[in-house]
Amino acid sequence: MSKPKITPLGDRVLVKHVDEDEQVKGGIIIPDSAKEKPQEAEVVALGTGKKDEDGQAIPFQVKKGDKVLISKYGGTEVKLDDVEYQLVREDDILGVIA
């Protein structure tokens, strides 16, 4: 995967949705417009991080390459070079998939 041209700021994390295999239920193909957004994503880049009251950096709980679950309606969608990314706050990450 090439490095994206977006660098998140603050406690934001750049993620790329993990494509799910197209599922056919009962022989019916579900169009892309009717599919739900996947909640599983891969961390592509991290921002500069949050700072506490003393100005000390608070380390991220995720790292580049982690597979994570993100909230369904959180973040901002960004399309760059025909690849869809999402910028989310670290608080919008629900968990890390082991």
Protein backbone atom coordinates (compact mmCIF):
# COMPACT_ATOMS: atom_id res chain seq x y z
CA MET A 1 0.00 0.00 0.00
CA SER A 2 1.43 3.37 -0.99
CA LYS A 3 1.60 6.18 1.52
CA PRO A 4 -1.47 8.44 1.28
CA LYS A 5 -0.97 12.16 0.73
CA ILE A 6 -3.02 13.01 3.83
CA THR A 7 -1.46 13.58 7.23
CA PRO A 8 -4.03 13.67 10.07
CA LEU A 9 -3.73 16.38 12.72
CA GLY A 10 -4.32 16.18 16.46
CA ASP A 11 -5.97 13.00 17.73
CA ARG A 12 -7.30 12.05 14.30
CA VAL A 13 -6.62 8.72 12.63
CA LEU A 14 -6.77 7.99 8.90
CA VAL A 15 -8.38 4.62 8.19
CA LYS A 16 -9.23 2.67 5.05
CA HIS A 17 -12.32 0.49 5.05
CA VAL A 18 -11.71 -3.22 4.69
CA ASP A 19 -13.74 -4.47 1.73
CA GLU A 20 -16.11 -7.25 2.56
CA ASP A 21 -16.72 -9.93 -0.02
CA GLU A 22 -19.84 -9.27 -2.06
CA GLN A 23 -22.56 -11.37 -0.54
CA VAL A 24 -25.41 -12.77 -2.54
CA LYS A 25 -28.44 -13.62 -0.45
CA GLY A 26 -31.00 -15.84 -2.10
CA GLY A 27 -29.55 -15.13 -5.52
CA ILE A 28 -30.12 -11.36 -5.21
CA ILE A 29 -27.15 -9.07 -5.74
CA ILE A 30 -27.27 -6.09 -3.40
CA PRO A 31 -26.21 -2.85 -5.15
CA ASP A 32 -23.44 -0.73 -3.62
CA SER A 33 -25.88 2.10 -2.88
CA ALA A 34 -27.96 -0.16 -0.62
CA LYS A 35 -25.07 -1.69 1.31
CA GLU A 36 -24.20 -0.51 4.79
CA LYS A 37 -20.84 1.12 5.41
CA PRO A 38 -18.40 -1.43 6.79
CA GLN A 39 -17.33 -0.82 10.36
CA GLU A 40 -14.04 -2.68 10.00
CA ALA A 41 -11.08 -0.59 8.86
CA GLU A 42 -7.29 -0.57 8.78
CA VAL A 43 -5.27 2.25 10.35
CA VAL A 44 -3.26 3.98 7.61
CA ALA A 45 -1.83 7.02 9.41
CA LEU A 46 -1.88 8.68 12.84
CA GLY A 47 -2.07 12.36 13.73
CA THR A 48 0.19 14.25 16.10
CA GLY A 49 -1.78 13.13 19.16
CA LYS A 50 -3.62 14.74 22.04
CA LYS A 51 -1.89 16.71 24.76
CA ASP A 52 -2.77 16.61 28.44
CA GLU A 53 -3.13 19.65 30.72
CA ASP A 54 0.66 19.83 31.20
CA GLY A 55 1.33 19.81 27.45
CA GLN A 56 2.64 16.22 27.45
CA ALA A 57 1.71 14.08 24.45
CA ILE A 58 -0.74 11.27 25.13
CA PRO A 59 0.26 8.19 23.08
CA PHE A 60 -2.23 6.61 20.68
CA GLN A 61 -3.77 3.28 21.67
CA VAL A 62 -3.69 2.09 18.05
CA LYS A 63 -0.82 1.85 15.60
CA LYS A 64 -0.44 1.85 11.84
CA GLY A 65 -1.64 -1.42 10.31
CA ASP A 66 -4.09 -2.28 13.13
CA LYS A 67 -7.51 -3.61 12.13
CA VAL A 68 -10.12 -1.63 14.07
CA LEU A 69 -13.87 -1.25 14.48
CA ILE A 70 -15.08 2.30 13.99
CA SER A 71 -18.38 3.90 14.84
CA LYS A 72 -20.88 3.73 12.00
CA TYR A 73 -21.49 7.45 11.58
CA GLY A 74 -18.26 8.95 12.90
CA GLY A 75 -15.56 10.75 10.97
CA THR A 76 -15.23 12.39 7.59
CA GLU A 77 -15.01 10.49 4.32
CA VAL A 78 -12.17 11.47 1.98
CA LYS A 79 -11.54 10.16 -1.54
CA LEU A 80 -7.99 10.40 -2.87
CA ASP A 81 -6.73 8.75 -6.07
CA ASP A 82 -9.92 6.64 -6.30
CA VAL A 83 -9.34 5.23 -2.80
CA GLU A 84 -11.82 6.02 -0.05
CA TYR A 85 -10.45 6.86 3.38
CA GLN A 86 -12.08 8.08 6.54
CA LEU A 87 -10.67 10.54 9.08
CA VAL A 88 -11.90 9.66 12.57
CA ARG A 89 -11.00 10.82 16.05
CA GLU A 90 -9.33 8.19 18.21
CA ASP A 91 -12.46 8.31 20.40
CA ASP A 92 -14.52 7.03 17.41
CA ILE A 93 -12.49 3.82 17.35
CA LEU A 94 -14.47 1.20 19.25
CA GLY A 95 -11.83 -1.51 19.47
CA VAL A 96 -8.88 -3.27 17.92
CA ILE A 97 -9.50 -6.61 16.16
CA ALA A 98 -6.97 -9.20 17.32
